Protein backbone atom coordinates (compact mmCIF):
# COMPACT_ATOMS: atom_id res chain seq x y z
CA MET A 1 0.14 0.19 -0.23
CA HIS A 2 2.92 2.21 -0.48
CA SER A 3 2.77 6.07 -2.77
CA ILE A 4 5.25 7.12 -5.31
CA ILE A 5 6.95 10.09 -4.01
CA GLU A 6 9.82 10.84 -6.90
CA LYS A 7 12.62 12.36 -6.17
CA GLY A 8 12.64 15.93 -6.15
CA ALA A 9 9.29 16.72 -4.70
CA ARG A 10 8.99 19.12 -1.70
CA LEU A 11 6.96 18.31 1.47
CA GLY A 12 6.47 20.31 3.89
CA LYS A 13 5.89 19.97 7.56
CA ASN A 14 2.95 17.50 8.64
CA VAL A 15 2.34 16.41 5.41
CA LYS A 16 0.23 13.49 5.48
CA ILE A 17 0.10 10.82 1.53
CA GLY A 18 -2.34 8.18 1.77
CA PRO A 19 -1.88 5.04 -0.14
CA PHE A 20 -1.57 4.31 -3.59
CA CYS A 21 -0.57 8.14 -4.27
CA PHE A 22 1.16 9.47 -7.00
CA ILE A 23 3.51 12.55 -5.93
CA GLY A 24 5.37 13.76 -8.90
CA LYS A 25 9.20 15.12 -8.80
CA ASN A 26 7.93 19.11 -9.66
CA VAL A 27 5.39 19.18 -6.95
CA ILE A 28 5.80 21.31 -3.99
CA LEU A 29 3.23 20.78 -0.87
CA GLU A 30 3.43 22.81 1.94
CA ASP A 31 2.89 22.68 5.44
CA ASN A 32 -0.47 20.57 6.95
CA VAL A 33 -1.11 19.29 3.46
CA GLU A 34 -3.34 16.05 3.19
CA ILE A 35 -3.33 13.94 0.67
CA LYS A 36 -6.37 11.06 0.70
CA ALA A 37 -5.62 7.80 -1.02
CA HIS A 38 -5.17 7.14 -4.41
CA VAL A 39 -4.59 11.09 -5.47
CA VAL A 40 -2.32 11.76 -8.66
CA ILE A 41 -0.18 15.12 -8.36
CA GLU A 42 2.00 15.50 -11.84
CA ASN A 43 4.06 18.00 -13.19
CA LYS A 44 4.99 21.64 -11.28
CA VAL A 45 2.08 21.74 -9.13
CA THR A 46 2.23 23.89 -5.88
CA ILE A 47 -0.71 23.04 -3.00
CA GLY A 48 -0.68 25.58 0.09
CA ALA A 49 -0.40 24.74 3.25
CA GLY A 50 -3.68 22.89 4.94
CA THR A 51 -5.30 21.94 1.99
CA THR A 52 -7.03 18.68 1.65
CA VAL A 53 -7.07 16.76 -1.99
CA HIS A 54 -9.24 13.46 -1.78
CA SER A 55 -9.24 10.60 -3.94
CA PHE A 56 -9.29 9.81 -6.90
CA SER A 57 -8.67 13.52 -7.89
CA VAL A 58 -5.80 14.39 -10.72
CA ILE A 59 -3.92 17.78 -9.91
CA GLY A 60 -1.60 18.66 -13.07
CA GLY A 61 -2.66 16.79 -15.78
CA ALA A 62 -2.16 17.79 -19.67
CA PRO A 63 -4.50 20.38 -20.68
CA GLN A 64 -7.15 18.66 -23.02
CA ASN A 65 -6.59 20.94 -25.69
CA LEU A 66 -5.33 19.97 -29.09
CA THR A 67 -3.19 23.42 -29.41
CA HIS A 68 -0.89 22.50 -26.10
CA HIS A 69 2.89 21.12 -27.20
CA GLY A 70 3.97 20.13 -23.96
CA VAL A 71 5.21 23.42 -23.10
CA GLU A 72 6.03 23.55 -19.38
CA ALA A 73 3.17 25.20 -17.53
CA GLU A 74 2.15 24.82 -13.47
CA ILE A 75 -0.61 24.82 -11.20
CA ILE A 76 -0.63 26.98 -8.23
CA ILE A 77 -3.48 26.19 -5.37
CA GLY A 78 -3.60 28.22 -2.37
CA LYS A 79 -4.49 27.65 1.43
CA ASN A 80 -6.83 25.95 3.18
CA ASN A 81 -8.99 24.49 0.29
CA ILE A 82 -10.64 21.54 0.36
CA ILE A 83 -10.69 19.65 -2.93
CA ARG A 84 -12.95 16.61 -3.08
CA GLU A 85 -12.92 13.28 -4.73
CA HIS A 86 -12.55 13.16 -8.52
CA VAL A 87 -11.60 16.65 -9.19
CA THR A 88 -9.48 17.23 -11.96
CA ILE A 89 -7.43 20.42 -12.36
CA ASN A 90 -5.18 20.31 -15.83
CA LEU A 91 -2.06 22.70 -16.67
CA GLY A 92 -2.17 25.62 -18.22
CA THR A 93 -1.29 26.63 -21.58
CA GLU A 94 1.14 28.57 -23.88
CA ALA A 95 -2.15 30.31 -25.36
CA ASP A 96 -2.43 32.26 -21.96
CA ALA A 97 -0.05 32.85 -18.93
CA MET A 98 0.71 28.84 -18.83
CA LYS A 99 -0.41 29.00 -15.16
CA THR A 100 -3.69 27.26 -13.59
CA VAL A 101 -4.66 29.39 -10.15
CA VAL A 102 -7.25 28.55 -7.43
CA GLY A 103 -6.99 30.91 -4.68
CA ASP A 104 -7.28 30.61 -0.94
CA ASN A 105 -10.11 28.65 1.49
CA CYS A 106 -11.94 26.80 -1.70
CA PHE A 107 -14.35 24.08 -1.51
CA ILE A 108 -14.40 22.13 -5.02
CA MET A 109 -16.99 19.56 -4.53
CA THR A 110 -16.70 16.03 -6.42
CA SER A 111 -16.32 15.02 -10.20
CA SER A 112 -15.43 19.07 -10.68
CA HIS A 113 -13.47 20.08 -12.81
CA ILE A 114 -10.97 23.07 -13.37
CA ALA A 115 -9.60 23.47 -17.07
CA HIS A 116 -6.40 24.86 -18.60
CA ASP A 117 -5.44 28.39 -17.21
CA CYS A 118 -8.54 28.96 -15.38
CA VAL A 119 -7.83 31.82 -12.57
CA LEU A 120 -10.45 31.27 -9.18
CA GLY A 121 -10.04 33.91 -6.45
CA ASN A 122 -10.81 32.78 -2.90
CA ASN A 123 -13.98 31.23 -1.03
CA VAL A 124 -14.87 29.41 -4.32
CA ILE A 125 -17.43 27.02 -4.25
CA MET A 126 -18.03 24.87 -6.78
CA ALA A 127 -20.93 21.95 -6.52
CA ASN A 128 -20.99 18.38 -7.52
CA ASN A 129 -20.69 18.44 -11.62
CA ALA A 130 -19.07 21.88 -11.89
CA THR A 131 -17.33 22.60 -14.85
CA LEU A 132 -14.90 25.55 -15.66
CA GLY A 133 -13.74 25.77 -19.49
CA GLY A 134 -10.33 27.13 -20.31
CA HIS A 135 -9.56 30.36 -18.98
CA VAL A 136 -12.33 31.15 -17.14
CA HIS A 137 -11.53 33.51 -14.39
CA VAL A 138 -13.91 33.20 -11.28
CA GLU A 139 -13.36 36.12 -8.56
CA ASP A 140 -13.99 36.00 -4.82
CA ASN A 141 -17.04 34.35 -3.57
CA VAL A 142 -18.50 32.54 -6.46
CA PHE A 143 -20.69 29.89 -5.83
CA VAL A 144 -20.99 27.58 -9.16
CA GLY A 145 -24.11 24.97 -8.92
CA GLY A 146 -23.77 21.37 -9.25
CA LEU A 147 -23.92 19.66 -12.79
CA CYS A 148 -23.18 23.62 -14.28
CA ALA A 149 -20.77 24.04 -17.52
CA VAL A 150 -19.10 27.51 -18.04
CA HIS A 151 -18.00 28.53 -21.21
CA GLN A 152 -14.19 29.17 -21.86
CA PHE A 153 -13.11 32.61 -21.35
CA VAL A 154 -16.32 33.39 -19.66
CA ARG A 155 -15.86 36.01 -16.28
CA ILE A 156 -17.70 35.91 -13.29
CA GLY A 157 -17.53 38.90 -10.97
CA LYS A 158 -17.23 38.46 -6.89
CA TYR A 159 -20.59 37.15 -4.76
CA VAL A 160 -22.26 35.72 -7.66
CA MET A 161 -24.03 32.62 -7.60
CA VAL A 162 -25.05 30.16 -10.40
CA GLY A 163 -27.76 28.32 -10.08
CA GLY A 164 -27.71 24.54 -10.28
CA VAL A 165 -27.44 22.78 -14.14
CA SER A 166 -26.79 26.47 -15.78
CA GLY A 167 -25.17 26.80 -19.17
CA VAL A 168 -22.95 30.04 -18.45
CA GLU A 169 -21.80 31.39 -22.08
CA ARG A 170 -21.18 35.21 -21.09
CA ASP A 171 -19.74 37.13 -18.41
CA LEU A 172 -21.73 37.45 -15.11
CA CYS A 173 -21.59 40.60 -13.29
CA PRO A 174 -20.94 40.76 -9.64
CA PHE A 175 -23.35 40.24 -7.04
CA THR A 176 -25.76 38.90 -9.07
CA MET A 177 -27.65 35.24 -9.59
CA VAL A 178 -28.16 33.70 -12.69
CA ILE A 179 -29.57 30.47 -13.43
CA GLY A 180 -31.14 28.79 -17.02
CA ASN A 181 -29.83 26.31 -19.65
CA ARG A 182 -28.34 29.74 -21.37
CA ALA A 183 -28.04 31.81 -18.14
CA GLU A 184 -30.15 34.92 -17.26
CA ILE A 185 -29.63 37.08 -14.07
CA VAL A 186 -32.80 36.55 -12.02
CA GLY A 187 -32.02 38.99 -9.62
CA LEU A 188 -29.07 40.03 -6.56
CA ASN A 189 -27.22 37.11 -4.60
CA THR A 190 -29.43 39.36 -1.55
CA ILE A 191 -28.69 36.51 0.85
CA GLY A 192 -25.35 35.52 -0.17
CA LEU A 193 -24.49 39.57 0.26
CA LYS A 194 -26.16 40.07 3.71
CA ARG A 195 -24.09 36.64 5.06
CA ASN A 196 -20.84 38.57 3.95
CA GLY A 197 -21.66 41.53 5.66
CA PHE A 198 -23.27 43.88 3.22
CA LEU A 199 -25.71 47.05 4.64
CA ASP A 200 -29.30 47.20 3.46
CA LYS A 201 -27.82 50.68 1.92
CA ASP A 202 -25.15 48.43 -0.05
CA ILE A 203 -27.59 46.07 -1.28
CA TYR A 204 -30.12 48.50 -2.03
CA ALA A 205 -27.36 50.90 -4.14
CA ILE A 206 -26.38 47.55 -5.94
CA LYS A 207 -29.90 46.87 -6.69
CA LYS A 208 -30.59 50.33 -8.43
CA ALA A 209 -27.55 50.34 -10.34
CA TYR A 210 -28.18 47.36 -11.88
CA GLN A 211 -32.08 48.90 -12.96
CA ILE A 212 -30.58 51.86 -14.44
CA LEU A 213 -28.27 49.89 -16.27
CA PHE A 214 -30.29 47.31 -17.34
CA SER A 215 -33.22 49.39 -18.19
CA THR A 216 -35.18 47.96 -21.36
CA SER A 217 -36.29 52.02 -22.45
CA PRO A 218 -36.19 52.20 -26.16
CA GLY A 219 -32.89 53.43 -27.62
CA ARG A 220 -31.30 52.89 -24.48
CA SER A 221 -27.57 51.42 -24.46
CA ILE A 222 -25.84 49.72 -21.72
CA GLY A 223 -22.95 52.18 -22.62
CA VAL A 224 -26.01 54.71 -21.68
CA GLY A 225 -26.26 53.05 -18.45
CA LEU A 226 -22.42 53.34 -17.09
CA ARG A 227 -22.26 56.64 -18.01
CA GLU A 228 -25.37 57.35 -15.68
CA LEU A 229 -23.76 55.31 -13.20
CA GLU A 230 -20.57 57.15 -13.14
CA ASP A 231 -22.50 60.14 -12.37
CA LYS A 232 -24.93 58.97 -9.78
CA PHE A 233 -23.01 56.43 -7.65
CA ALA A 234 -19.13 58.47 -7.78
CA GLY A 235 -16.99 57.27 -4.49
CA ASN A 236 -19.33 54.32 -3.73
CA ALA A 237 -17.04 51.54 -3.94
CA HIS A 238 -19.09 48.74 -4.72
CA ILE A 239 -20.28 50.72 -8.02
CA GLU A 240 -16.97 51.50 -8.82
CA TYR A 241 -16.19 47.82 -8.70
CA ILE A 242 -19.11 47.11 -11.07
CA LEU A 243 -17.94 49.56 -13.54
CA ASP A 244 -14.15 48.25 -13.53
CA PHE A 245 -15.94 44.72 -14.22
CA LEU A 246 -17.95 45.97 -16.97
CA LYS A 247 -15.21 47.88 -18.78
CA ALA A 248 -12.54 45.40 -18.53
CA LYS A 249 -11.86 43.75 -21.86
CA SER A 250 -14.48 40.64 -22.39
CA ILE A 251 -14.61 37.70 -25.49
CA ARG A 252 -17.76 36.46 -24.25
CA GLY A 253 -19.82 39.44 -23.75
CA LEU A 254 -22.58 40.56 -20.84
CA CYS A 255 -25.27 38.11 -19.45
CA ARG A 256 -28.65 39.81 -19.36
CA PRO A 257 -31.46 39.66 -17.38
CA ARG A 258 -34.20 37.02 -18.31
CA VAL A 259 -36.82 40.31 -18.38
CA VAL A 260 -34.65 41.67 -21.50
CA TYR A 261 -33.94 38.43 -23.11
CA ASN A 262 -37.70 37.65 -22.85
CA GLU A 263 -38.73 41.37 -24.59
CA GLU A 264 -35.79 40.80 -27.19
CA ARG A 265 -37.39 37.43 -28.32
CA GLN A 266 -40.93 38.91 -28.38
CA ASN A 267 -39.59 41.99 -30.54
């Protein structure tokens, strides 16, 4: 019932490794990391202190990308994460920063997949069988529901909640709640915001900002909404963060509220 730990692997203090594991020569396991039985960690992977990886997970596998040609890349996983059974996390590619990143205090549930070049912030939860395509960026305090699929290059802002069995093909605005076969905004993640200490006045301001941004008045564009937010909410840190998110480079475009989509379909 021995594990294979290749020469060159670096193990911190009080690291625990169960039976039938493979730990590659370029792996770094920091203090108090626990690796359960039947885990494969290969290639250049760093796992932060206090993280636990459960059985049958594979971390550091080659990208599932036909353009990848074996260029050395890496995975960096932060502190105090829980990575449950059958999770796969792939190396980055030369098409991006050659780095896949998971922050601190994340909970990655059974059979979830984090593809090449993804970047996850802190306190991210991925429920069972959630899947991130390549180059997805997930900011702090996001919940991705079970059986969700997130398209390549999508950006997900802070405090977003993605309902289960959703297909996410566009960028998700911060603080929102989305759901659907092709996910649509169905409201604010109000419960999540309250749990994280947002005041009622903060939540009201965010709600008002999105009402302005996604107004369905004829001929009104997102650009008009952005300018109005800049005028009405100058100095509000939450609204300024929304503005920064919306002004950043986007490959996939922006997810819109369900009411807007429904009106567009009727016209």
